[in-house]
Amino acid sequence: QWQKDMAALAECPNVYVKLGGINMTINGFGWHKQDAPPSSDALVAATRDYYLHTIDCFGPARCMFESNFPVDKMSCSYGVLWNAFKKIASDFSASEKAELFKDSAARFYRLEGF
C-alpha cells in the first residue's frame, strides 16, 4: 500500500521527499539487535527498493538524501549510511546525483548559492 500512497503523493508538484530515517529501530530491520553494526552493503540490500521506488515516483529533482542522525546512530554509523546512499545512487547520472545529494535540498530550503 505504501507504494501506491507514495505515487499518489508524488502527484502533488509542491511535495519534496527526504530520503532517510528508514533505519530507525521502529522500522523493524533489527540493526540495533545485531552483534555488529550493518555494512553499507547490508543497508543497501534491505532498503534500496524503498528508496528507488520513491525516487521513481518523485524524480531526483524532488528527492534529497538525508541522515536521521543522531537517531539512526542506534542502527548504523554516519559513514556507512552515506556510503549506502552513494551505492543506491550509483546508476544515476551526474546531474541526478547532484539533485539527490544537494541541489533539491538547496532549492527546497532556499540555500542556493552555497
PDB file of N, CA and C in Angstrom:
ATOM      1  N   GLN A   1       0.810  -1.200   0.000  1.00  0.00           N
ATOM      2  CA  GLN A   1       0.000   0.000   0.000  1.00  0.00           C
ATOM      3  C   GLN A   1       0.858   1.272   0.000  1.00  0.00           C
ATOM      4  N   TRP A   2       1.994   1.216   0.674  1.00  0.00           N
ATOM      5  CA  TRP A   2       2.813   2.422   0.749  1.00  0.00           C
ATOM      6  C   TRP A   2       3.275   2.877  -0.629  1.00  0.00           C
ATOM      7  N   GLN A   3       3.493   1.910  -1.540  1.00  0.00           N
ATOM      8  CA  GLN A   3       3.926   2.278  -2.884  1.00  0.00           C
ATOM      9  C   GLN A   3       2.856   3.121  -3.582  1.00  0.00           C
ATOM     10  N   LYS A   4       1.609   2.711  -3.447  1.00  0.00           N
ATOM     11  CA  LYS A   4       0.503   3.463  -4.048  1.00  0.00           C
ATOM     12  C   LYS A   4       0.364   4.828  -3.390  1.00  0.00           C
ATOM     13  N   ASP A   5       0.531   4.860  -2.076  1.00  0.00           N
ATOM     14  CA  ASP A   5       0.427   6.133  -1.355  1.00  0.00           C
ATOM     15  C   ASP A   5       1.524   7.105  -1.780  1.00  0.00           C
ATOM     16  N   MET A   6       2.738   6.610  -1.959  1.00  0.00           N
ATOM     17  CA  MET A   6       3.836   7.476  -2.402  1.00  0.00           C
ATOM     18  C   MET A   6       3.571   7.986  -3.817  1.00  0.00           C
ATOM     19  N   ALA A   7       3.075   7.123  -4.683  1.00  0.00           N
ATOM     20  CA  ALA A   7       2.764   7.540  -6.052  1.00  0.00           C
ATOM     21  C   ALA A   7       1.675   8.612  -6.057  1.00  0.00           C
ATOM     22  N   ALA A   8       0.668   8.448  -5.208  1.00  0.00           N
ATOM     23  CA  ALA A   8      -0.400   9.452  -5.120  1.00  0.00           C
ATOM     24  C   ALA A   8       0.144  10.775  -4.584  1.00  0.00           C
ATOM     25  N   LEU A   9       0.979  10.712  -3.577  1.00  0.00           N
ATOM     26  CA  LEU A   9       1.571  11.920  -3.004  1.00  0.00           C
ATOM     27  C   LEU A   9       2.453  12.636  -4.025  1.00  0.00           C
ATOM     28  N   ALA A  10       3.130  11.877  -4.848  1.00  0.00           N
ATOM     29  CA  ALA A  10       4.019  12.454  -5.863  1.00  0.00           C
ATOM     30  C   ALA A  10       3.259  13.259  -6.910  1.00  0.00           C
ATOM     31  N   GLU A  11       1.959  13.062  -7.002  1.00  0.00           N
ATOM     32  CA  GLU A  11       1.153  13.841  -7.938  1.00  0.00           C
ATOM     33  C   GLU A  11       1.046  15.306  -7.517  1.00  0.00           C
ATOM     34  N   CYS A  12       1.380  15.611  -6.271  1.00  0.00           N
ATOM     35  CA  CYS A  12       1.378  16.994  -5.778  1.00  0.00           C
ATOM     36  C   CYS A  12       2.737  17.602  -6.114  1.00  0.00           C
ATOM     37  N   PRO A  13       2.804  18.518  -7.082  1.00  0.00           N
ATOM     38  CA  PRO A  13       4.103  19.007  -7.552  1.00  0.00           C
ATOM     39  C   PRO A  13       4.901  19.802  -6.527  1.00  0.00           C
ATOM     40  N   ASN A  14       4.264  20.256  -5.463  1.00  0.00           N
ATOM     41  CA  ASN A  14       4.973  21.044  -4.449  1.00  0.00           C
ATOM     42  C   ASN A  14       5.559  20.189  -3.330  1.00  0.00           C
ATOM     43  N   VAL A  15       5.412  18.877  -3.397  1.00  0.00           N
ATOM     44  CA  VAL A  15       5.890  17.987  -2.341  1.00  0.00           C
ATOM     45  C   VAL A  15       7.273  17.447  -2.695  1.00  0.00           C
ATOM     46  N   TYR A  16       8.188  17.599  -1.762  1.00  0.00           N
ATOM     47  CA  TYR A  16       9.543  17.043  -1.854  1.00  0.00           C
ATOM     48  C   TYR A  16       9.654  15.911  -0.833  1.00  0.00           C
ATOM     49  N   VAL A  17      10.628  15.027  -1.005  1.00  0.00           N
ATOM     50  CA  VAL A  17      10.800  13.894  -0.102  1.00  0.00           C
ATOM     51  C   VAL A  17      12.226  13.852   0.436  1.00  0.00           C
ATOM     52  N   LYS A  18      12.323  13.715   1.754  1.00  0.00           N
ATOM     53  CA  LYS A  18      13.620  13.461   2.382  1.00  0.00           C
ATOM     54  C   LYS A  18      13.808  11.952   2.418  1.00  0.00           C
ATOM     55  N   LEU A  19      14.885  11.486   1.840  1.00  0.00           N
ATOM     56  CA  LEU A  19      15.174  10.057   1.772  1.00  0.00           C
ATOM     57  C   LEU A  19      16.093   9.683   2.923  1.00  0.00           C
ATOM     58  N   GLY A  20      15.546   9.120   3.945  1.00  0.00           N
ATOM     59  CA  GLY A  20      16.314   8.722   5.112  1.00  0.00           C
ATOM     60  C   GLY A  20      15.383   8.337   6.244  1.00  0.00           C
ATOM     61  N   GLY A  21      15.973   7.979   7.355  1.00  0.00           N
ATOM     62  CA  GLY A  21      15.186   7.623   8.528  1.00  0.00           C
ATOM     63  C   GLY A  21      14.643   6.209   8.521  1.00  0.00           C
ATOM     64  N   ILE A  22      14.806   5.502   7.421  1.00  0.00           N
ATOM     65  CA  ILE A  22      14.244   4.158   7.318  1.00  0.00           C
ATOM     66  C   ILE A  22      14.965   3.160   8.232  1.00  0.00           C
ATOM     67  N   ASN A  23      16.156   3.499   8.669  1.00  0.00           N
ATOM     68  CA  ASN A  23      16.918   2.581   9.520  1.00  0.00           C
ATOM     69  C   ASN A  23      16.614   2.726  11.008  1.00  0.00           C
ATOM     70  N   MET A  24      15.660   3.581  11.355  1.00  0.00           N
ATOM     71  CA  MET A  24      15.297   3.740  12.768  1.00  0.00           C
ATOM     72  C   MET A  24      14.853   2.399  13.348  1.00  0.00           C
ATOM     73  N   THR A  25      15.082   2.216  14.623  1.00  0.00           N
ATOM     74  CA  THR A  25      14.753   0.940  15.263  1.00  0.00           C
ATOM     75  C   THR A  25      13.278   0.592  15.125  1.00  0.00           C
ATOM     76  N   ILE A  26      12.407   1.567  15.083  1.00  0.00           N
ATOM     77  CA  ILE A  26      10.966   1.323  14.999  1.00  0.00           C
ATOM     78  C   ILE A  26      10.548   0.657  13.685  1.00  0.00           C
ATOM     79  N   ASN A  27      11.387   0.743  12.667  1.00  0.00           N
ATOM     80  CA  ASN A  27      11.024   0.212  11.353  1.00  0.00           C
ATOM     81  C   ASN A  27      11.272  -1.279  11.178  1.00  0.00           C
ATOM     82  N   GLY A  28      11.828  -1.935  12.177  1.00  0.00           N
ATOM     83  CA  GLY A  28      11.862  -3.386  12.195  1.00  0.00           C
ATOM     84  C   GLY A  28      12.997  -4.102  11.493  1.00  0.00           C
ATOM     85  N   PHE A  29      14.018  -3.392  11.054  1.00  0.00           N
ATOM     86  CA  PHE A  29      15.143  -4.080  10.424  1.00  0.00           C
ATOM     87  C   PHE A  29      16.010  -4.803  11.451  1.00  0.00           C
ATOM     88  N   GLY A  30      15.979  -4.366  12.694  1.00  0.00           N
ATOM     89  CA  GLY A  30      16.708  -5.043  13.765  1.00  0.00           C
ATOM     90  C   GLY A  30      18.200  -4.797  13.796  1.00  0.00           C
ATOM     91  N   TRP A  31      18.665  -3.745  13.128  1.00  0.00           N
ATOM     92  CA  TRP A  31      20.099  -3.461  13.108  1.00  0.00           C
ATOM     93  C   TRP A  31      20.654  -3.308  14.515  1.00  0.00           C
ATOM     94  N   HIS A  32      19.887  -2.693  15.383  1.00  0.00           N
ATOM     95  CA  HIS A  32      20.351  -2.417  16.751  1.00  0.00           C
ATOM     96  C   HIS A  32      20.467  -3.683  17.600  1.00  0.00           C
ATOM     97  N   LYS A  33      19.903  -4.788  17.158  1.00  0.00           N
ATOM     98  CA  LYS A  33      19.942  -6.044  17.910  1.00  0.00           C
ATOM     99  C   LYS A  33      21.098  -6.951  17.479  1.00  0.00           C
ATOM    100  N   GLN A  34      21.788  -6.596  16.420  1.00  0.00           N
ATOM    101  CA  GLN A  34      22.873  -7.428  15.912  1.00  0.00           C
ATOM    102  C   GLN A  34      24.145  -7.212  16.722  1.00  0.00           C
ATOM    103  N   ASP A  35      24.992  -8.229  16.730  1.00  0.00           N
ATOM    104  CA  ASP A  35      26.272  -8.133  17.440  1.00  0.00           C
ATOM    105  C   ASP A  35      27.189  -7.079  16.828  1.00  0.00           C
ATOM    106  N   ALA A  36      27.136  -6.949  15.515  1.00  0.00           N
ATOM    107  CA  ALA A  36      27.966  -5.963  14.813  1.00  0.00           C
ATOM    108  C   ALA A  36      27.054  -5.057  13.988  1.00  0.00           C
ATOM    109  N   PRO A  37      27.426  -3.810  13.830  1.00  0.00           N
ATOM    110  CA  PRO A  37      26.595  -2.910  13.020  1.00  0.00           C
ATOM    111  C   PRO A  37      26.594  -3.343  11.557  1.00  0.00           C
ATOM    112  N   PRO A  38      25.565  -2.971  10.806  1.00  0.00           N
ATOM    113  CA  PRO A  38      25.486  -3.380   9.405  1.00  0.00           C
ATOM    114  C   PRO A  38      26.505  -2.651   8.535  1.00  0.00           C
ATOM    115  N   SER A  39      26.862  -3.284   7.449  1.00  0.00           N
ATOM    116  CA  SER A  39      27.720  -2.656   6.439  1.00  0.00           C
ATOM    117  C   SER A  39      26.830  -1.829   5.507  1.00  0.00           C
ATOM    118  N   SER A  40      27.451  -1.014   4.690  1.00  0.00           N
ATOM    119  CA  SER A  40      26.668  -0.256   3.710  1.00  0.00           C
ATOM    120  C   SER A  40      25.984  -1.209   2.726  1.00  0.00           C
ATOM    121  N   ASP A  41      26.633  -2.319   2.403  1.00  0.00           N
ATOM    122  CA  ASP A  41      26.011  -3.300   1.510  1.00  0.00           C
ATOM    123  C   ASP A  41      24.758  -3.908   2.136  1.00  0.00           C
ATOM    124  N   ALA A  42      24.789  -4.159   3.439  1.00  0.00           N
ATOM    125  CA  ALA A  42      23.612  -4.698   4.126  1.00  0.00           C
ATOM    126  C   ALA A  42      22.474  -3.684   4.116  1.00  0.00           C
ATOM    127  N   LEU A  43      22.804  -2.414   4.342  1.00  0.00           N
ATOM    128  CA  LEU A  43      21.772  -1.372   4.288  1.00  0.00           C
ATOM    129  C   LEU A  43      21.170  -1.282   2.894  1.00  0.00           C
ATOM    130  N   VAL A  44      22.013  -1.320   1.886  1.00  0.00           N
ATOM    131  CA  VAL A  44      21.534  -1.249   0.503  1.00  0.00           C
ATOM    132  C   VAL A  44      20.607  -2.424   0.207  1.00  0.00           C
ATOM    133  N   ALA A  45      21.008  -3.622   0.588  1.00  0.00           N
ATOM    134  CA  ALA A  45      20.191  -4.812   0.321  1.00  0.00           C
ATOM    135  C   ALA A  45      18.806  -4.698   0.957  1.00  0.00           C
ATOM    136  N   ALA A  46      18.738  -4.113   2.134  1.00  0.00           N
ATOM    137  CA  ALA A  46      17.472  -4.024   2.859  1.00  0.00           C
ATOM    138  C   ALA A  46      16.608  -2.837   2.438  1.00  0.00           C
ATOM    139  N   THR A  47      17.219  -1.760   1.970  1.00  0.00           N
ATOM    140  CA  THR A  47      16.453  -0.521   1.773  1.00  0.00           C
ATOM    141  C   THR A  47      16.406   0.001   0.343  1.00  0.00           C
ATOM    142  N   ARG A  48      17.233  -0.493  -0.515  1.00  0.00           N
ATOM    143  CA  ARG A  48      17.348   0.033  -1.885  1.00  0.00           C
ATOM    144  C   ARG A  48      15.999   0.169  -2.589  1.00  0.00           C
ATOM    145  N   ASP A  49      15.181  -0.859  -2.547  1.00  0.00           N
ATOM    146  CA  ASP A  49      13.909  -0.833  -3.276  1.00  0.00           C
ATOM    147  C   ASP A  49      12.980   0.269  -2.772  1.00  0.00           C
ATOM    148  N   TYR A  50      13.001   0.534  -1.472  1.00  0.00           N
ATOM    149  CA  TYR A  50      12.179   1.616  -0.917  1.00  0.00           C
ATOM    150  C   TYR A  50      12.619   2.960  -1.495  1.00  0.00           C
ATOM    151  N   TYR A  51      13.923   3.189  -1.466  1.00  0.00           N
ATOM    152  CA  TYR A  51      14.453   4.453  -1.978  1.00  0.00           C
ATOM    153  C   TYR A  51      14.218   4.596  -3.476  1.00  0.00           C
ATOM    154  N   LEU A  52      14.498   3.547  -4.240  1.00  0.00           N
ATOM    155  CA  LEU A  52      14.356   3.641  -5.692  1.00  0.00           C
ATOM    156  C   LEU A  52      12.908   3.852  -6.112  1.00  0.00           C
ATOM    157  N   HIS A  53      11.976   3.212  -5.424  1.00  0.00           N
ATOM    158  CA  HIS A  53      10.558   3.432  -5.738  1.00  0.00           C
ATOM    159  C   HIS A  53      10.183   4.890  -5.493  1.00  0.00           C
ATOM    160  N   THR A  54      10.638   5.423  -4.385  1.00  0.00           N
ATOM    161  CA  THR A  54      10.316   6.808  -4.046  1.00  0.00           C
ATOM    162  C   THR A  54      10.934   7.772  -5.052  1.00  0.00           C
ATOM    163  N   ILE A  55      12.187   7.534  -5.419  1.00  0.00           N
ATOM    164  CA  ILE A  55      12.841   8.386  -6.419  1.00  0.00           C
ATOM    165  C   ILE A  55      12.122   8.266  -7.759  1.00  0.00           C
ATOM    166  N   ASP A  56      11.684   7.066  -8.101  1.00  0.00           N
ATOM    167  CA  ASP A  56      10.953   6.858  -9.347  1.00  0.00           C
ATOM    168  C   ASP A  56       9.651   7.658  -9.347  1.00  0.00           C
ATOM    169  N   CYS A  57       8.973   7.702  -8.225  1.00  0.00           N
ATOM    170  CA  CYS A  57       7.705   8.434  -8.125  1.00  0.00           C
ATOM    171  C   CYS A  57       7.900   9.944  -8.208  1.00  0.00           C
ATOM    172  N   PHE A  58       8.849  10.462  -7.458  1.00  0.00           N
ATOM    173  CA  PHE A  58       9.024  11.907  -7.324  1.00  0.00           C
ATOM    174  C   PHE A  58      10.038  12.498  -8.295  1.00  0.00           C
ATOM    175  N   GLY A  59      10.952  11.678  -8.766  1.00  0.00           N
ATOM    176  CA  GLY A  59      12.048  12.175  -9.586  1.00  0.00           C
ATOM    177  C   GLY A  59      13.146  12.745  -8.708  1.00  0.00           C
ATOM    178  N   PRO A  60      14.391  12.669  -9.167  1.00  0.00           N
ATOM    179  CA  PRO A  60      15.512  13.162  -8.360  1.00  0.00           C
ATOM    180  C   PRO A  60      15.397  14.638  -7.972  1.00  0.00           C
ATOM    181  N   ALA A  61      14.727  15.441  -8.784  1.00  0.00           N
ATOM    182  CA  ALA A  61      14.629  16.880  -8.509  1.00  0.00           C
ATOM    183  C   ALA A  61      13.748  17.203  -7.306  1.00  0.00           C
ATOM    184  N   ARG A  62      12.994  16.204  -6.818  1.00  0.00           N
ATOM    185  CA  ARG A  62      12.163  16.440  -5.627  1.00  0.00           C
ATOM    186  C   ARG A  62      12.515  15.480  -4.490  1.00  0.00           C
ATOM    187  N   CYS A  63      13.695  14.874  -4.569  1.00  0.00           N
ATOM    188  CA  CYS A  63      14.159  13.962  -3.518  1.00  0.00           C
ATOM    189  C   CYS A  63      15.505  14.431  -2.991  1.00  0.00           C
ATOM    190  N   MET A  64      15.742  14.198  -1.706  1.00  0.00           N
ATOM    191  CA  MET A  64      17.034  14.561  -1.115  1.00  0.00           C
ATOM    192  C   MET A  64      17.432  13.505  -0.100  1.00  0.00           C
ATOM    193  N   PHE A  65      18.628  12.958  -0.255  1.00  0.00           N
ATOM    194  CA  PHE A  65      19.144  12.047   0.755  1.00  0.00           C
ATOM    195  C   PHE A  65      19.419  12.844   2.019  1.00  0.00           C
ATOM    196  N   GLU A  66      19.141  12.234   3.151  1.00  0.00           N
ATOM    197  CA  GLU A  66      19.374  12.889   4.442  1.00  0.00           C
ATOM    198  C   GLU A  66      19.694  11.849   5.491  1.00  0.00           C
ATOM    199  N   SER A  67      20.477  12.272   6.465  1.00  0.00           N
ATOM    200  CA  SER A  67      20.727  11.378   7.596  1.00  0.00           C
ATOM    201  C   SER A  67      19.691  11.691   8.661  1.00  0.00           C
ATOM    202  N   ASN A  68      19.373  10.739   9.436  1.00  0.00           N
ATOM    203  CA  ASN A  68      18.442  10.928  10.537  1.00  0.00           C
ATOM    204  C   ASN A  68      19.227  10.856  11.847  1.00  0.00           C
ATOM    205  N   PHE A  69      20.437  11.372  11.798  1.00  0.00           N
ATOM    206  CA  PHE A  69      21.287  11.351  12.986  1.00  0.00           C
ATOM    207  C   PHE A  69      20.895  12.472  13.915  1.00  0.00           C
ATOM    208  N   PRO A  70      20.904  12.215  15.202  1.00  0.00           N
ATOM    209  CA  PRO A  70      21.559  11.096  15.878  1.00  0.00           C
ATOM    210  C   PRO A  70      20.683   9.858  16.049  1.00  0.00           C
ATOM    211  N   VAL A  71      19.408   9.928  15.648  1.00  0.00           N
ATOM    212  CA  VAL A  71      18.511   8.783  15.856  1.00  0.00           C
ATOM    213  C   VAL A  71      19.029   7.525  15.168  1.00  0.00           C
ATOM    214  N   ASP A  72      19.485   7.637  13.930  1.00  0.00           N
ATOM    215  CA  ASP A  72      19.990   6.473  13.192  1.00  0.00           C
ATOM    216  C   ASP A  72      21.251   5.870  13.801  1.00  0.00           C
ATOM    217  N   LYS A  73      21.884   6.587  14.702  1.00  0.00           N
ATOM    218  CA  LYS A  73      23.131   6.095  15.310  1.00  0.00           C
ATOM    219  C   LYS A  73      22.923   4.761  16.032  1.00  0.00           C
ATOM    220  N   MET A  74      21.699   4.482  16.441  1.00  0.00           N
ATOM    221  CA  MET A  74      21.413   3.199  17.095  1.00  0.00           C
ATOM    222  C   MET A  74      21.456   2.045  16.104  1.00  0.00           C
ATOM    223  N   SER A  75      21.375   2.350  14.815  1.00  0.00           N
ATOM    224  CA  SER A  75      21.326   1.311  13.789  1.00  0.00           C
ATOM    225  C   SER A  75      22.587   1.191  12.952  1.00  0.00           C
ATOM    226  N   CYS A  76      23.236   2.318  12.665  1.00  0.00           N
ATOM    227  CA  CYS A  76      24.407   2.291  11.789  1.00  0.00           C
ATOM    228  C   CYS A  76      25.242   3.543  12.006  1.00  0.00           C
ATOM    229  N   SER A  77      26.445   3.524  11.464  1.00  0.00           N
ATOM    230  CA  SER A  77      27.303   4.707  11.578  1.00  0.00           C
ATOM    231  C   SER A  77      26.958   5.700  10.470  1.00  0.00           C
ATOM    232  N   TYR A  78      27.347   6.934  10.693  1.00  0.00           N
ATOM    233  CA  TYR A  78      27.099   8.015   9.733  1.00  0.00           C
ATOM    234  C   TYR A  78      27.760   7.708   8.388  1.00  0.00           C
ATOM    235  N   GLY A  79      29.014   7.290   8.418  1.00  0.00           N
ATOM    236  CA  GLY A  79      29.732   6.977   7.183  1.00  0.00           C
ATOM    237  C   GLY A  79      29.117   5.823   6.419  1.00  0.00           C
ATOM    238  N   VAL A  80      28.705   4.789   7.134  1.00  0.00           N
ATOM    239  CA  VAL A  80      28.077   3.630   6.497  1.00  0.00           C
ATOM    240  C   VAL A  80      26.772   4.046   5.822  1.00  0.00           C
ATOM    241  N   LEU A  81      25.996   4.886   6.480  1.00  0.00           N
ATOM    242  CA  LEU A  81      24.738   5.352   5.903  1.00  0.00           C
ATOM    243  C   LEU A  81      24.977   6.098   4.589  1.00  0.00           C
ATOM    244  N   TRP A  82      25.912   7.045   4.605  1.00  0.00           N
ATOM    245  CA  TRP A  82      26.169   7.824   3.392  1.00  0.00           C
ATOM    246  C   TRP A  82      26.807   6.971   2.301  1.00  0.00           C
ATOM    247  N   ASN A  83      27.601   5.989   2.655  1.00  0.00           N
ATOM    248  CA  ASN A  83      28.128   5.061   1.646  1.00  0.00           C
ATOM    249  C   ASN A  83      26.992   4.261   1.018  1.00  0.00           C
ATOM    250  N   ALA A  84      26.001   3.883   1.824  1.00  0.00           N
ATOM    251  CA  ALA A  84      24.834   3.173   1.289  1.00  0.00           C
ATOM    252  C   ALA A  84      24.085   4.064   0.298  1.00  0.00           C
ATOM    253  N   PHE A  85      23.898   5.331   0.644  1.00  0.00           N
ATOM    254  CA  PHE A  85      23.228   6.256  -0.275  1.00  0.00           C
ATOM    255  C   PHE A  85      23.999   6.374  -1.590  1.00  0.00           C
ATOM    256  N   LYS A  86      25.322   6.450  -1.511  1.00  0.00           N
ATOM    257  CA  LYS A  86      26.136   6.541  -2.728  1.00  0.00           C
ATOM    258  C   LYS A  86      25.958   5.294  -3.592  1.00  0.00           C
ATOM    259  N   LYS A  87      25.891   4.141  -2.960  1.00  0.00           N
ATOM    260  CA  LYS A  87      25.702   2.894  -3.707  1.00  0.00           C
ATOM    261  C   LYS A  87      24.315   2.846  -4.338  1.00  0.00           C
ATOM    262  N   ILE A  88      23.310   3.283  -3.607  1.00  0.00           N
ATOM    263  CA  ILE A  88      21.946   3.298  -4.139  1.00  0.00           C
ATOM    264  C   ILE A  88      21.858   4.220  -5.353  1.00  0.00           C
ATOM    265  N   ALA A  89      22.573   5.327  -5.308  1.00  0.00           N
ATOM    266  CA  ALA A  89      22.526   6.316  -6.395  1.00  0.00           C
ATOM    267  C   ALA A  89      23.533   6.040  -7.511  1.00  0.00           C
ATOM    268  N   SER A  90      24.269   4.963  -7.427  1.00  0.00           N
ATOM    269  CA  SER A  90      25.381   4.728  -8.362  1.00  0.00           C
ATOM    270  C   SER A  90      24.967   4.665  -9.829  1.00  0.00           C
ATOM    271  N   ASP A  91      23.754   4.246 -10.129  1.00  0.00           N
ATOM    272  CA  ASP A  91      23.322   4.140 -11.523  1.00  0.00           C
ATOM    273  C   ASP A  91      22.696   5.423 -12.068  1.00  0.00           C
ATOM    274  N   PHE A  92      22.580   6.437 -11.243  1.00  0.00           N
ATOM    275  CA  PHE A  92      22.004   7.701 -11.691  1.00  0.00           C
ATOM    276  C   PHE A  92      23.062   8.537 -12.407  1.00  0.00           C
ATOM    277  N   SER A  93      22.618   9.454 -13.242  1.00  0.00           N
ATOM    278  CA  SER A  93      23.540  10.350 -13.949  1.00  0.00           C
ATOM    279  C   SER A  93      24.154  11.346 -12.966  1.00  0.00           C
ATOM    280  N   ALA A  94      25.184  12.044 -13.404  1.00  0.00           N
ATOM    281  CA  ALA A  94      25.834  13.047 -12.551  1.00  0.00           C
ATOM    282  C   ALA A  94      24.847  14.133 -12.130  1.00  0.00           C
ATOM    283  N   SER A  95      23.993  14.574 -13.044  1.00  0.00           N
ATOM    284  CA  SER A  95      23.028  15.627 -12.691  1.00  0.00           C
ATOM    285  C   SER A  95      21.963  15.102 -11.729  1.00  0.00           C
ATOM    286  N   GLU A  96      21.554  13.849 -11.884  1.00  0.00           N
ATOM    287  CA  GLU A  96      20.588  13.263 -10.950  1.00  0.00           C
ATOM    288  C   GLU A  96      21.205  13.109  -9.562  1.00  0.00           C
ATOM    289  N   LYS A  97      22.465  12.691  -9.507  1.00  0.00           N
ATOM    290  CA  LYS A  97      23.155  12.589  -8.218  1.00  0.00           C
ATOM    291  C   LYS A  97      23.257  13.956  -7.560  1.00  0.00           C
ATOM    292  N   ALA A  98      23.544  14.982  -8.349  1.00  0.00           N
ATOM    293  CA  ALA A  98      23.620  16.340  -7.795  1.00  0.00           C
ATOM    294  C   ALA A  98      22.284  16.730  -7.176  1.00  0.00           C
ATOM    295  N   GLU A  99      21.191  16.378  -7.819  1.00  0.00           N
ATOM    296  CA  GLU A  99      19.861  16.657  -7.259  1.00  0.00           C
ATOM    297  C   GLU A  99      19.668  15.913  -5.941  1.00  0.00           C
ATOM    298  N   LEU A 100      19.962  14.626  -5.940  1.00  0.00           N
ATOM    299  CA  LEU A 100      19.723  13.791  -4.762  1.00  0.00           C
ATOM    300  C   LEU A 100      20.584  14.180  -3.567  1.00  0.00           C
ATOM    301  N   PHE A 101      21.811  14.595  -3.831  1.00  0.00           N
ATOM    302  CA  PHE A 101      22.745  14.868  -2.737  1.00  0.00           C
ATOM    303  C   PHE A 101      22.844  16.340  -2.340  1.00  0.00           C
ATOM    304  N   LYS A 102      22.382  17.272  -3.191  1.00  0.00           N
ATOM    305  CA  LYS A 102      22.473  18.671  -2.758  1.00  0.00           C
ATOM    306  C   LYS A 102      21.484  19.623  -3.409  1.00  0.00           C
ATOM    307  N   ASP A 103      21.287  19.538  -4.715  1.00  0.00           N
ATOM    308  CA  ASP A 103      20.527  20.573  -5.406  1.00  0.00           C
ATOM    309  C   ASP A 103      19.068  20.669  -4.967  1.00  0.00           C
ATOM    310  N   SER A 104      18.381  19.542  -4.830  1.00  0.00           N
ATOM    311  CA  SER A 104      16.973  19.614  -4.421  1.00  0.00           C
ATOM    312  C   SER A 104      16.849  20.167  -3.001  1.00  0.00           C
ATOM    313  N   ALA A 105      17.760  19.800  -2.124  1.00  0.00           N
ATOM    314  CA  ALA A 105      17.730  20.333  -0.754  1.00  0.00           C
ATOM    315  C   ALA A 105      18.017  21.829  -0.757  1.00  0.00           C
ATOM    316  N   ALA A 106      19.001  22.249  -1.542  1.00  0.00           N
ATOM    317  CA  ALA A 106      19.329  23.677  -1.615  1.00  0.00           C
ATOM    318  C   ALA A 106      18.138  24.479  -2.130  1.00  0.00           C
ATOM    319  N   ARG A 107      17.451  23.954  -3.128  1.00  0.00           N
ATOM    320  CA  ARG A 107      16.275  24.629  -3.676  1.00  0.00           C
ATOM    321  C   ARG A 107      15.146  24.671  -2.647  1.00  0.00           C
ATOM    322  N   PHE A 108      14.857  23.523  -2.044  1.00  0.00           N
ATOM    323  CA  PHE A 108      13.742  23.437  -1.098  1.00  0.00           C
ATOM    324  C   PHE A 108      13.956  24.341   0.116  1.00  0.00           C
ATOM    325  N   TYR A 109      15.163  24.320   0.650  1.00  0.00           N
ATOM    326  CA  TYR A 109      15.471  25.115   1.847  1.00  0.00           C
ATOM    327  C   TYR A 109      15.978  26.523   1.506  1.00  0.00           C
ATOM    328  N   ARG A 110      15.916  26.866   0.212  1.00  0.00           N
ATOM    329  CA  ARG A 110      16.325  28.195  -0.267  1.00  0.00           C
ATOM    330  C   ARG A 110      17.766  28.522   0.121  1.00  0.00           C
ATOM    331  N   LEU A 111      18.637  27.569  -0.141  1.00  0.00           N
ATOM    332  CA  LEU A 111      20.064  27.713   0.161  1.00  0.00           C
ATOM    333  C   LEU A 111      20.904  27.761  -1.107  1.00  0.00           C
ATOM    334  N   GLU A 112      20.284  28.021  -2.221  1.00  0.00           N
ATOM    335  CA  GLU A 112      21.018  28.044  -3.483  1.00  0.00           C
ATOM    336  C   GLU A 112      22.146  29.065  -3.409  1.00  0.00           C
ATOM    337  N   GLY A 113      23.271  28.713  -3.973  1.00  0.00           N
ATOM    338  CA  GLY A 113      24.437  29.574  -3.946  1.00  0.00           C
ATOM    339  C   GLY A 113      25.439  29.188  -2.877  1.00  0.00           C
ATOM    340  N   PHE A 114      25.079  28.240  -2.035  1.00  0.00           N
ATOM    341  CA  PHE A 114      26.017  27.782  -1.006  1.00  0.00           C
ATOM    342  C   PHE A 114      26.867  26.672  -1.561  1.00  0.00           C
TER     343      PHE A 114
END
